[in-house]
């Protein structure tokens, strides 16, 4: 069975299937990459909780940066957010994001507890 949460015509915020939660891409508010990453990860936390999971159950993360020059700044926030020993499989690349003010977007897949 497939469960969808926060569904609109365009997308679902969460899709659950076979014990796995797939989150839609999250962006954050703020002027800097660090601020946007912090806000984005708070949104990921909220969706993981809603899905019945948490950051220790992440399986995969895909991170898009508007500029790879921001990689180190994003990683400073990421590295303090991910609990020791529970880092997911991860990819990070550069992409043109949906709005010019966006600097980071994070997509997470996690096991449901």
PDB file of N, CA and C in Angstrom:
ATOM      1  N   UNK A   1       0.829  -1.170   0.000  1.00  0.00           N
ATOM      2  CA  UNK A   1       0.000   0.000   0.000  1.00  0.00           C
ATOM      3  C   UNK A   1       0.886   1.251   0.000  1.00  0.00           C
ATOM      4  N   UNK A   2       0.474   2.256  -0.724  1.00  0.00           N
ATOM      5  CA  UNK A   2       1.165   3.536  -0.787  1.00  0.00           C
ATOM      6  C   UNK A   2       0.341   4.557  -0.010  1.00  0.00           C
ATOM      7  N   UNK A   3       0.992   5.253   0.923  1.00  0.00           N
ATOM      8  CA  UNK A   3       0.340   6.309   1.688  1.00  0.00           C
ATOM      9  C   UNK A   3       0.907   7.655   1.295  1.00  0.00           C
ATOM     10  N   UNK A   4       0.035   8.612   1.096  1.00  0.00           N
ATOM     11  CA  UNK A   4       0.464   9.962   0.706  1.00  0.00           C
ATOM     12  C   UNK A   4      -0.014  10.949   1.757  1.00  0.00           C
ATOM     13  N   UNK A   5       0.870  11.868   2.131  1.00  0.00           N
ATOM     14  CA  UNK A   5       0.549  12.869   3.151  1.00  0.00           C
ATOM     15  C   UNK A   5       0.855  14.250   2.581  1.00  0.00           C
ATOM     16  N   UNK A   6       0.002  15.209   2.919  1.00  0.00           N
ATOM     17  CA  UNK A   6       0.207  16.565   2.427  1.00  0.00           C
ATOM     18  C   UNK A   6       0.153  16.639   0.913  1.00  0.00           C
ATOM     19  N   UNK A   7      -0.828  15.966   0.337  1.00  0.00           N
ATOM     20  CA  UNK A   7      -0.913  15.843  -1.113  1.00  0.00           C
ATOM     21  C   UNK A   7      -1.686  16.997  -1.742  1.00  0.00           C
ATOM     22  N   UNK A   8      -1.104  17.540  -2.774  1.00  0.00           N
ATOM     23  CA  UNK A   8      -1.774  18.544  -3.605  1.00  0.00           C
ATOM     24  C   UNK A   8      -1.825  17.986  -5.026  1.00  0.00           C
ATOM     25  N   UNK A   9      -2.303  18.769  -5.932  1.00  0.00           N
ATOM     26  CA  UNK A   9      -2.366  18.313  -7.321  1.00  0.00           C
ATOM     27  C   UNK A   9      -0.975  18.032  -7.881  1.00  0.00           C
ATOM     28  N   UNK A  10       0.013  18.823  -7.437  1.00  0.00           N
ATOM     29  CA  UNK A  10       1.367  18.728  -7.986  1.00  0.00           C
ATOM     30  C   UNK A  10       2.229  17.677  -7.313  1.00  0.00           C
ATOM     31  N   UNK A  11       2.117  17.532  -5.983  1.00  0.00           N
ATOM     32  CA  UNK A  11       3.026  16.625  -5.274  1.00  0.00           C
ATOM     33  C   UNK A  11       2.501  16.306  -3.888  1.00  0.00           C
ATOM     34  N   UNK A  12       3.155  15.335  -3.270  1.00  0.00           N
ATOM     35  CA  UNK A  12       2.915  14.998  -1.871  1.00  0.00           C
ATOM     36  C   UNK A  12       4.144  15.401  -1.074  1.00  0.00           C
ATOM     37  N   UNK A  13       3.936  15.882   0.157  1.00  0.00           N
ATOM     38  CA  UNK A  13       5.073  16.211   0.996  1.00  0.00           C
ATOM     39  C   UNK A  13       5.788  14.954   1.456  1.00  0.00           C
ATOM     40  N   UNK A  14       5.007  13.877   1.662  1.00  0.00           N
ATOM     41  CA  UNK A  14       5.547  12.594   2.104  1.00  0.00           C
ATOM     42  C   UNK A  14       4.830  11.490   1.349  1.00  0.00           C
ATOM     43  N   UNK A  15       5.588  10.511   0.867  1.00  0.00           N
ATOM     44  CA  UNK A  15       5.008   9.284   0.317  1.00  0.00           C
ATOM     45  C   UNK A  15       5.623   8.131   1.108  1.00  0.00           C
ATOM     46  N   UNK A  16       4.751   7.244   1.638  1.00  0.00           N
ATOM     47  CA  UNK A  16       5.206   6.099   2.421  1.00  0.00           C
ATOM     48  C   UNK A  16       4.873   4.813   1.672  1.00  0.00           C
ATOM     49  N   UNK A  17       5.875   3.921   1.623  1.00  0.00           N
ATOM     50  CA  UNK A  17       5.679   2.643   0.936  1.00  0.00           C
ATOM     51  C   UNK A  17       6.672   1.624   1.485  1.00  0.00           C
ATOM     52  N   UNK A  18       6.154   0.456   1.864  1.00  0.00           N
ATOM     53  CA  UNK A  18       6.997  -0.640   2.344  1.00  0.00           C
ATOM     54  C   UNK A  18       7.979  -0.223   3.428  1.00  0.00           C
ATOM     55  N   UNK A  19       7.528   0.566   4.388  1.00  0.00           N
ATOM     56  CA  UNK A  19       8.368   0.944   5.515  1.00  0.00           C
ATOM     57  C   UNK A  19       9.377   2.040   5.226  1.00  0.00           C
ATOM     58  N   UNK A  20       9.210   2.716   4.094  1.00  0.00           N
ATOM     59  CA  UNK A  20      10.127   3.795   3.719  1.00  0.00           C
ATOM     60  C   UNK A  20       9.327   5.073   3.488  1.00  0.00           C
ATOM     61  N   UNK A  21       9.866   6.191   3.966  1.00  0.00           N
ATOM     62  CA  UNK A  21       9.257   7.505   3.756  1.00  0.00           C
ATOM     63  C   UNK A  21      10.118   8.297   2.779  1.00  0.00           C
ATOM     64  N   UNK A  22       9.472   8.808   1.747  1.00  0.00           N
ATOM     65  CA  UNK A  22      10.128   9.633   0.731  1.00  0.00           C
ATOM     66  C   UNK A  22       9.627  11.060   0.926  1.00  0.00           C
ATOM     67  N   UNK A  23      10.545  11.977   1.227  1.00  0.00           N
ATOM     68  CA  UNK A  23      10.155  13.364   1.458  1.00  0.00           C
ATOM     69  C   UNK A  23      10.360  14.186   0.200  1.00  0.00           C
ATOM     70  N   UNK A  24       9.484  15.160  -0.007  1.00  0.00           N
ATOM     71  CA  UNK A  24       9.690  16.091  -1.111  1.00  0.00           C
ATOM     72  C   UNK A  24      10.876  16.990  -0.766  1.00  0.00           C
ATOM     73  N   UNK A  25      11.444  17.622  -1.760  1.00  0.00           N
ATOM     74  CA  UNK A  25      12.580  18.505  -1.546  1.00  0.00           C
ATOM     75  C   UNK A  25      12.219  19.650  -0.616  1.00  0.00           C
ATOM     76  N   UNK A  26      13.146  19.969   0.290  1.00  0.00           N
ATOM     77  CA  UNK A  26      12.931  21.036   1.262  1.00  0.00           C
ATOM     78  C   UNK A  26      13.917  22.164   1.036  1.00  0.00           C
ATOM     79  N   UNK A  27      13.415  23.382   1.117  1.00  0.00           N
ATOM     80  CA  UNK A  27      14.242  24.577   1.039  1.00  0.00           C
ATOM     81  C   UNK A  27      14.011  25.363   2.319  1.00  0.00           C
ATOM     82  N   UNK A  28      14.871  26.352   2.577  1.00  0.00           N
ATOM     83  CA  UNK A  28      14.741  27.113   3.806  1.00  0.00           C
ATOM     84  C   UNK A  28      14.813  28.601   3.574  1.00  0.00           C
ATOM     85  N   UNK A  29      14.489  29.325   4.626  1.00  0.00           N
ATOM     86  CA  UNK A  29      14.553  30.791   4.621  1.00  0.00           C
ATOM     87  C   UNK A  29      15.916  31.225   5.146  1.00  0.00           C
ATOM     88  N   UNK A  30      16.327  32.424   4.755  1.00  0.00           N
ATOM     89  CA  UNK A  30      17.560  33.002   5.268  1.00  0.00           C
ATOM     90  C   UNK A  30      18.391  33.604   4.158  1.00  0.00           C
ATOM     91  N   UNK A  31      19.340  34.432   4.553  1.00  0.00           N
ATOM     92  CA  UNK A  31      20.181  35.126   3.580  1.00  0.00           C
ATOM     93  C   UNK A  31      21.420  34.324   3.205  1.00  0.00           C
ATOM     94  N   UNK A  32      21.888  33.465   4.118  1.00  0.00           N
ATOM     95  CA  UNK A  32      23.117  32.704   3.864  1.00  0.00           C
ATOM     96  C   UNK A  32      22.811  31.229   3.649  1.00  0.00           C
ATOM     97  N   UNK A  33      23.786  30.525   3.122  1.00  0.00           N
ATOM     98  CA  UNK A  33      23.640  29.072   2.946  1.00  0.00           C
ATOM     99  C   UNK A  33      23.455  28.399   4.306  1.00  0.00           C
ATOM    100  N   UNK A  34      24.193  28.839   5.311  1.00  0.00           N
ATOM    101  CA  UNK A  34      24.057  28.246   6.646  1.00  0.00           C
ATOM    102  C   UNK A  34      22.650  28.444   7.199  1.00  0.00           C
ATOM    103  N   UNK A  35      22.111  29.648   7.054  1.00  0.00           N
ATOM    104  CA  UNK A  35      20.754  29.914   7.545  1.00  0.00           C
ATOM    105  C   UNK A  35      19.725  29.083   6.791  1.00  0.00           C
ATOM    106  N   UNK A  36      19.850  29.026   5.473  1.00  0.00           N
ATOM    107  CA  UNK A  36      18.902  28.241   4.683  1.00  0.00           C
ATOM    108  C   UNK A  36      19.021  26.753   4.987  1.00  0.00           C
ATOM    109  N   UNK A  37      20.238  26.267   5.169  1.00  0.00           N
ATOM    110  CA  UNK A  37      20.428  24.847   5.483  1.00  0.00           C
ATOM    111  C   UNK A  37      19.823  24.518   6.836  1.00  0.00           C
ATOM    112  N   UNK A  38      20.051  25.369   7.823  1.00  0.00           N
ATOM    113  CA  UNK A  38      19.486  25.156   9.164  1.00  0.00           C
ATOM    114  C   UNK A  38      17.965  25.094   9.110  1.00  0.00           C
ATOM    115  N   UNK A  39      17.346  26.039   8.417  1.00  0.00           N
ATOM    116  CA  UNK A  39      15.892  26.061   8.301  1.00  0.00           C
ATOM    117  C   UNK A  39      15.385  24.861   7.521  1.00  0.00           C
ATOM    118  N   UNK A  40      16.067  24.531   6.454  1.00  0.00           N
ATOM    119  CA  UNK A  40      15.697  23.387   5.628  1.00  0.00           C
ATOM    120  C   UNK A  40      15.714  22.098   6.448  1.00  0.00           C
ATOM    121  N   UNK A  41      16.760  21.907   7.245  1.00  0.00           N
ATOM    122  CA  UNK A  41      16.869  20.685   8.052  1.00  0.00           C
ATOM    123  C   UNK A  41      15.830  20.644   9.165  1.00  0.00           C
ATOM    124  N   UNK A  42      15.415  21.799   9.671  1.00  0.00           N
ATOM    125  CA  UNK A  42      14.312  21.832  10.643  1.00  0.00           C
ATOM    126  C   UNK A  42      13.023  21.354   9.975  1.00  0.00           C
ATOM    127  N   UNK A  43      12.834  21.722   8.734  1.00  0.00           N
ATOM    128  CA  UNK A  43      11.655  21.265   7.981  1.00  0.00           C
ATOM    129  C   UNK A  43      11.730  19.760   7.718  1.00  0.00           C
ATOM    130  N   UNK A  44      12.928  19.269   7.413  1.00  0.00           N
ATOM    131  CA  UNK A  44      13.116  17.826   7.235  1.00  0.00           C
ATOM    132  C   UNK A  44      12.764  17.104   8.531  1.00  0.00           C
ATOM    133  N   UNK A  45      13.257  17.614   9.668  1.00  0.00           N
ATOM    134  CA  UNK A  45      12.925  17.011  10.973  1.00  0.00           C
ATOM    135  C   UNK A  45      11.418  16.909  11.172  1.00  0.00           C
ATOM    136  N   UNK A  46      10.695  17.987  10.860  1.00  0.00           N
ATOM    137  CA  UNK A  46       9.239  18.002  11.046  1.00  0.00           C
ATOM    138  C   UNK A  46       8.559  16.966  10.156  1.00  0.00           C
ATOM    139  N   UNK A  47       8.987  16.856   8.903  1.00  0.00           N
ATOM    140  CA  UNK A  47       8.390  15.869   7.996  1.00  0.00           C
ATOM    141  C   UNK A  47       8.744  14.449   8.419  1.00  0.00           C
ATOM    142  N   UNK A  48       9.975  14.241   8.856  1.00  0.00           N
ATOM    143  CA  UNK A  48      10.351  12.906   9.333  1.00  0.00           C
ATOM    144  C   UNK A  48       9.478  12.492  10.508  1.00  0.00           C
ATOM    145  N   UNK A  49       9.256  13.404  11.446  1.00  0.00           N
ATOM    146  CA  UNK A  49       8.398  13.111  12.597  1.00  0.00           C
ATOM    147  C   UNK A  49       6.987  12.773  12.135  1.00  0.00           C
ATOM    148  N   UNK A  50       6.458  13.578  11.215  1.00  0.00           N
ATOM    149  CA  UNK A  50       5.110  13.329  10.688  1.00  0.00           C
ATOM    150  C   UNK A  50       5.019  11.963  10.008  1.00  0.00           C
ATOM    151  N   UNK A  51       6.113  11.545   9.382  1.00  0.00           N
ATOM    152  CA  UNK A  51       6.145  10.258   8.674  1.00  0.00           C
ATOM    153  C   UNK A  51       6.382   9.079   9.605  1.00  0.00           C
ATOM    154  N   UNK A  52       6.707   9.344  10.875  1.00  0.00           N
ATOM    155  CA  UNK A  52       6.992   8.259  11.814  1.00  0.00           C
ATOM    156  C   UNK A  52       8.450   7.838  11.778  1.00  0.00           C
ATOM    157  N   UNK A  53       9.327   8.792  11.514  1.00  0.00           N
ATOM    158  CA  UNK A  53      10.752   8.500  11.424  1.00  0.00           C
ATOM    159  C   UNK A  53      11.534   9.608  12.119  1.00  0.00           C
ATOM    160  N   UNK A  54      12.840   9.582  11.967  1.00  0.00           N
ATOM    161  CA  UNK A  54      13.695  10.654  12.469  1.00  0.00           C
ATOM    162  C   UNK A  54      15.027  10.604  11.729  1.00  0.00           C
ATOM    163  N   UNK A  55      15.889  11.548  12.041  1.00  0.00           N
ATOM    164  CA  UNK A  55      17.145  11.656  11.283  1.00  0.00           C
ATOM    165  C   UNK A  55      18.075  10.471  11.468  1.00  0.00           C
ATOM    166  N   UNK A  56      17.915   9.687  12.535  1.00  0.00           N
ATOM    167  CA  UNK A  56      18.758   8.498  12.706  1.00  0.00           C
ATOM    168  C   UNK A  56      18.345   7.364  11.770  1.00  0.00           C
ATOM    169  N   UNK A  57      17.193   7.513  11.119  1.00  0.00           N
ATOM    170  CA  UNK A  57      16.685   6.489  10.209  1.00  0.00           C
ATOM    171  C   UNK A  57      16.814   6.871   8.733  1.00  0.00           C
ATOM    172  N   UNK A  58      17.553   7.955   8.450  1.00  0.00           N
ATOM    173  CA  UNK A  58      17.726   8.366   7.060  1.00  0.00           C
ATOM    174  C   UNK A  58      18.495   7.312   6.273  1.00  0.00           C
ATOM    175  N   UNK A  59      18.019   7.058   5.082  1.00  0.00           N
ATOM    176  CA  UNK A  59      18.677   6.123   4.180  1.00  0.00           C
ATOM    177  C   UNK A  59      19.509   6.860   3.135  1.00  0.00           C
ATOM    178  N   UNK A  60      18.958   7.950   2.621  1.00  0.00           N
ATOM    179  CA  UNK A  60      19.603   8.694   1.548  1.00  0.00           C
ATOM    180  C   UNK A  60      19.255  10.173   1.641  1.00  0.00           C
ATOM    181  N   UNK A  61      20.207  11.007   1.270  1.00  0.00           N
ATOM    182  CA  UNK A  61      19.962  12.442   1.148  1.00  0.00           C
ATOM    183  C   UNK A  61      20.572  12.916  -0.169  1.00  0.00           C
ATOM    184  N   UNK A  62      19.813  13.726  -0.868  1.00  0.00           N
ATOM    185  CA  UNK A  62      20.298  14.368  -2.090  1.00  0.00           C
ATOM    186  C   UNK A  62      20.250  15.862  -1.830  1.00  0.00           C
ATOM    187  N   UNK A  63      21.383  16.512  -2.005  1.00  0.00           N
ATOM    188  CA  UNK A  63      21.491  17.938  -1.715  1.00  0.00           C
ATOM    189  C   UNK A  63      21.842  18.675  -3.002  1.00  0.00           C
ATOM    190  N   UNK A  64      21.057  19.695  -3.302  1.00  0.00           N
ATOM    191  CA  UNK A  64      21.323  20.553  -4.452  1.00  0.00           C
ATOM    192  C   UNK A  64      21.750  21.918  -3.929  1.00  0.00           C
ATOM    193  N   UNK A  65      22.861  22.403  -4.416  1.00  0.00           N
ATOM    194  CA  UNK A  65      23.338  23.743  -4.096  1.00  0.00           C
ATOM    195  C   UNK A  65      23.265  24.599  -5.349  1.00  0.00           C
ATOM    196  N   UNK A  66      22.891  25.861  -5.179  1.00  0.00           N
ATOM    197  CA  UNK A  66      22.874  26.772  -6.321  1.00  0.00           C
ATOM    198  C   UNK A  66      24.298  27.071  -6.777  1.00  0.00           C
ATOM    199  N   UNK A  67      25.255  26.942  -5.853  1.00  0.00           N
ATOM    200  CA  UNK A  67      26.658  27.215  -6.166  1.00  0.00           C
ATOM    201  C   UNK A  67      27.525  26.287  -5.318  1.00  0.00           C
ATOM    202  N   UNK A  68      28.323  25.447  -5.956  1.00  0.00           N
ATOM    203  CA  UNK A  68      29.168  24.501  -5.225  1.00  0.00           C
ATOM    204  C   UNK A  68      30.219  25.203  -4.360  1.00  0.00           C
ATOM    205  N   UNK A  69      30.423  26.491  -4.566  1.00  0.00           N
ATOM    206  CA  UNK A  69      31.325  27.248  -3.701  1.00  0.00           C
ATOM    207  C   UNK A  69      30.793  27.280  -2.260  1.00  0.00           C
ATOM    208  N   UNK A  70      29.499  26.976  -2.078  1.00  0.00           N
ATOM    209  CA  UNK A  70      28.871  26.967  -0.756  1.00  0.00           C
ATOM    210  C   UNK A  70      28.931  25.599  -0.074  1.00  0.00           C
ATOM    211  N   UNK A  71      29.621  24.643  -0.672  1.00  0.00           N
ATOM    212  CA  UNK A  71      29.683  23.266  -0.173  1.00  0.00           C
ATOM    213  C   UNK A  71      30.166  23.206   1.283  1.00  0.00           C
ATOM    214  N   UNK A  72      31.265  23.856   1.601  1.00  0.00           N
ATOM    215  CA  UNK A  72      31.823  23.793   2.954  1.00  0.00           C
ATOM    216  C   UNK A  72      30.874  24.410   3.981  1.00  0.00           C
ATOM    217  N   UNK A  73      30.262  25.554   3.636  1.00  0.00           N
ATOM    218  CA  UNK A  73      29.332  26.214   4.560  1.00  0.00           C
ATOM    219  C   UNK A  73      28.112  25.339   4.835  1.00  0.00           C
ATOM    220  N   UNK A  74      27.574  24.694   3.807  1.00  0.00           N
ATOM    221  CA  UNK A  74      26.440  23.786   3.993  1.00  0.00           C
ATOM    222  C   UNK A  74      26.859  22.602   4.857  1.00  0.00           C
ATOM    223  N   UNK A  75      28.048  22.040   4.590  1.00  0.00           N
ATOM    224  CA  UNK A  75      28.515  20.872   5.341  1.00  0.00           C
ATOM    225  C   UNK A  75      28.726  21.166   6.819  1.00  0.00           C
ATOM    226  N   UNK A  76      29.103  22.396   7.174  1.00  0.00           N
ATOM    227  CA  UNK A  76      29.258  22.744   8.591  1.00  0.00           C
ATOM    228  C   UNK A  76      27.942  22.544   9.333  1.00  0.00           C
ATOM    229  N   UNK A  77      26.841  22.951   8.724  1.00  0.00           N
ATOM    230  CA  UNK A  77      25.522  22.775   9.340  1.00  0.00           C
ATOM    231  C   UNK A  77      25.119  21.306   9.287  1.00  0.00           C
ATOM    232  N   UNK A  78      25.270  20.678   8.138  1.00  0.00           N
ATOM    233  CA  UNK A  78      24.905  19.269   7.952  1.00  0.00           C
ATOM    234  C   UNK A  78      25.610  18.381   8.968  1.00  0.00           C
ATOM    235  N   UNK A  79      26.926  18.578   9.121  1.00  0.00           N
ATOM    236  CA  UNK A  79      27.720  17.700   9.984  1.00  0.00           C
ATOM    237  C   UNK A  79      27.307  17.776  11.448  1.00  0.00           C
ATOM    238  N   UNK A  80      26.805  18.923  11.902  1.00  0.00           N
ATOM    239  CA  UNK A  80      26.334  19.017  13.285  1.00  0.00           C
ATOM    240  C   UNK A  80      24.915  18.479  13.435  1.00  0.00           C
ATOM    241  N   UNK A  81      24.167  18.420  12.335  1.00  0.00           N
ATOM    242  CA  UNK A  81      22.773  17.957  12.367  1.00  0.00           C
ATOM    243  C   UNK A  81      22.663  16.444  12.333  1.00  0.00           C
ATOM    244  N   UNK A  82      23.516  15.778  11.575  1.00  0.00           N
ATOM    245  CA  UNK A  82      23.441  14.313  11.431  1.00  0.00           C
ATOM    246  C   UNK A  82      24.042  13.658  12.675  1.00  0.00           C
ATOM    247  N   UNK A  83      23.265  12.806  13.360  1.00  0.00           N
ATOM    248  CA  UNK A  83      23.802  12.136  14.542  1.00  0.00           C
ATOM    249  C   UNK A  83      24.990  11.227  14.185  1.00  0.00           C
ATOM    250  N   UNK A  84      25.982  11.252  15.042  1.00  0.00           N
ATOM    251  CA  UNK A  84      27.194  10.447  14.848  1.00  0.00           C
ATOM    252  C   UNK A  84      26.846   8.989  14.547  1.00  0.00           C
ATOM    253  N   UNK A  85      27.452   8.470  13.509  1.00  0.00           N
ATOM    254  CA  UNK A  85      27.276   7.060  13.149  1.00  0.00           C
ATOM    255  C   UNK A  85      26.023   6.748  12.362  1.00  0.00           C
ATOM    256  N   UNK A  86      25.220   7.765  11.984  1.00  0.00           N
ATOM    257  CA  UNK A  86      23.966   7.498  11.267  1.00  0.00           C
ATOM    258  C   UNK A  86      23.881   8.225   9.927  1.00  0.00           C
ATOM    259  N   UNK A  87      25.023   8.641   9.399  1.00  0.00           N
ATOM    260  CA  UNK A  87      25.005   9.381   8.128  1.00  0.00           C
ATOM    261  C   UNK A  87      24.387   8.529   7.018  1.00  0.00           C
ATOM    262  N   UNK A  88      23.487   9.134   6.238  1.00  0.00           N
ATOM    263  CA  UNK A  88      22.868   8.393   5.130  1.00  0.00           C
ATOM    264  C   UNK A  88      23.797   8.354   3.917  1.00  0.00           C
ATOM    265  N   UNK A  89      23.456   7.535   2.943  1.00  0.00           N
ATOM    266  CA  UNK A  89      24.098   7.648   1.637  1.00  0.00           C
ATOM    267  C   UNK A  89      23.736   9.046   1.136  1.00  0.00           C
ATOM    268  N   UNK A  90      24.704   9.742   0.517  1.00  0.00           N
ATOM    269  CA  UNK A  90      24.440  11.137   0.184  1.00  0.00           C
ATOM    270  C   UNK A  90      25.080  11.520  -1.142  1.00  0.00           C
ATOM    271  N   UNK A  91      24.391  12.386  -1.864  1.00  0.00           N
ATOM    272  CA  UNK A  91      24.935  12.995  -3.074  1.00  0.00           C
ATOM    273  C   UNK A  91      24.721  14.489  -2.958  1.00  0.00           C
ATOM    274  N   UNK A  92      25.624  15.259  -3.533  1.00  0.00           N
ATOM    275  CA  UNK A  92      25.493  16.713  -3.525  1.00  0.00           C
ATOM    276  C   UNK A  92      25.962  17.231  -4.876  1.00  0.00           C
ATOM    277  N   UNK A  93      25.142  18.084  -5.463  1.00  0.00           N
ATOM    278  CA  UNK A  93      25.497  18.639  -6.755  1.00  0.00           C
ATOM    279  C   UNK A  93      25.004  20.067  -6.884  1.00  0.00           C
ATOM    280  N   UNK A  94      25.382  20.681  -7.978  1.00  0.00           N
ATOM    281  CA  UNK A  94      24.975  22.056  -8.260  1.00  0.00           C
ATOM    282  C   UNK A  94      23.813  22.036  -9.243  1.00  0.00           C
ATOM    283  N   UNK A  95      22.829  22.893  -8.959  1.00  0.00           N
ATOM    284  CA  UNK A  95      21.657  22.966  -9.837  1.00  0.00           C
ATOM    285  C   UNK A  95      21.041  24.350  -9.754  1.00  0.00           C
ATOM    286  N   UNK A  96      20.374  24.742 -10.806  1.00  0.00           N
ATOM    287  CA  UNK A  96      19.577  25.970 -10.771  1.00  0.00           C
ATOM    288  C   UNK A  96      18.303  25.627 -10.006  1.00  0.00           C
ATOM    289  N   UNK A  97      18.087  26.308  -8.886  1.00  0.00           N
ATOM    290  CA  UNK A  97      16.930  26.016  -8.048  1.00  0.00           C
ATOM    291  C   UNK A  97      15.725  26.837  -8.496  1.00  0.00           C
ATOM    292  N   UNK A  98      14.567  26.543  -7.936  1.00  0.00           N
ATOM    293  CA  UNK A  98      13.294  27.095  -8.417  1.00  0.00           C
ATOM    294  C   UNK A  98      13.188  28.614  -8.333  1.00  0.00           C
ATOM    295  N   UNK A  99      13.847  29.211  -7.332  1.00  0.00           N
ATOM    296  CA  UNK A  99      13.819  30.671  -7.195  1.00  0.00           C
ATOM    297  C   UNK A  99      15.251  31.162  -6.998  1.00  0.00           C
ATOM    298  N   UNK A 100      15.545  32.341  -7.493  1.00  0.00           N
ATOM    299  CA  UNK A 100      16.908  32.876  -7.426  1.00  0.00           C
ATOM    300  C   UNK A 100      17.444  33.028  -6.005  1.00  0.00           C
ATOM    301  N   UNK A 101      16.581  33.246  -5.019  1.00  0.00           N
ATOM    302  CA  UNK A 101      17.042  33.441  -3.643  1.00  0.00           C
ATOM    303  C   UNK A 101      17.425  32.130  -2.955  1.00  0.00           C
ATOM    304  N   UNK A 102      17.023  31.003  -3.541  1.00  0.00           N
ATOM    305  CA  UNK A 102      17.320  29.708  -2.921  1.00  0.00           C
ATOM    306  C   UNK A 102      18.766  29.317  -3.158  1.00  0.00           C
ATOM    307  N   UNK A 103      19.393  28.810  -2.083  1.00  0.00           N
ATOM    308  CA  UNK A 103      20.786  28.406  -2.154  1.00  0.00           C
ATOM    309  C   UNK A 103      20.973  26.904  -1.951  1.00  0.00           C
ATOM    310  N   UNK A 104      19.980  26.242  -1.336  1.00  0.00           N
ATOM    311  CA  UNK A 104      20.104  24.813  -1.027  1.00  0.00           C
ATOM    312  C   UNK A 104      18.724  24.159  -1.034  1.00  0.00           C
ATOM    313  N   UNK A 105      18.676  22.924  -1.515  1.00  0.00           N
ATOM    314  CA  UNK A 105      17.473  22.092  -1.435  1.00  0.00           C
ATOM    315  C   UNK A 105      17.916  20.696  -1.042  1.00  0.00           C
ATOM    316  N   UNK A 106      17.184  20.082  -0.101  1.00  0.00           N
ATOM    317  CA  UNK A 106      17.559  18.761   0.403  1.00  0.00           C
ATOM    318  C   UNK A 106      16.371  17.806   0.271  1.00  0.00           C
ATOM    319  N   UNK A 107      16.648  16.629  -0.269  1.00  0.00           N
ATOM    320  CA  UNK A 107      15.647  15.580  -0.467  1.00  0.00           C
ATOM    321  C   UNK A 107      16.092  14.384   0.372  1.00  0.00           C
ATOM    322  N   UNK A 108      15.202  13.873   1.217  1.00  0.00           N
ATOM    323  CA  UNK A 108      15.561  12.785   2.144  1.00  0.00           C
ATOM    324  C   UNK A 108      14.620  11.596   1.962  1.00  0.00           C
ATOM    325  N   UNK A 109      15.207  10.416   2.058  1.00  0.00           N
ATOM    326  CA  UNK A 109      14.481   9.151   2.120  1.00  0.00           C
ATOM    327  C   UNK A 109      14.865   8.500   3.443  1.00  0.00           C
ATOM    328  N   UNK A 110      13.882   7.974   4.179  1.00  0.00           N
ATOM    329  CA  UNK A 110      14.170   7.412   5.499  1.00  0.00           C
ATOM    330  C   UNK A 110      13.321   6.182   5.768  1.00  0.00           C
ATOM    331  N   UNK A 111      13.862   5.293   6.573  1.00  0.00           N
ATOM    332  CA  UNK A 111      13.092   4.152   7.066  1.00  0.00           C
ATOM    333  C   UNK A 111      12.100   4.646   8.108  1.00  0.00           C
ATOM    334  N   UNK A 112      10.924   4.065   8.124  1.00  0.00           N
ATOM    335  CA  UNK A 112       9.921   4.401   9.133  1.00  0.00           C
ATOM    336  C   UNK A 112      10.212   3.548  10.355  1.00  0.00           C
ATOM    337  N   UNK A 113      10.175   4.165  11.547  1.00  0.00           N
ATOM    338  CA  UNK A 113      10.485   3.443  12.790  1.00  0.00           C
ATOM    339  C   UNK A 113       9.435   2.401  13.086  1.00  0.00           C
TER     340      UNK A 113
END
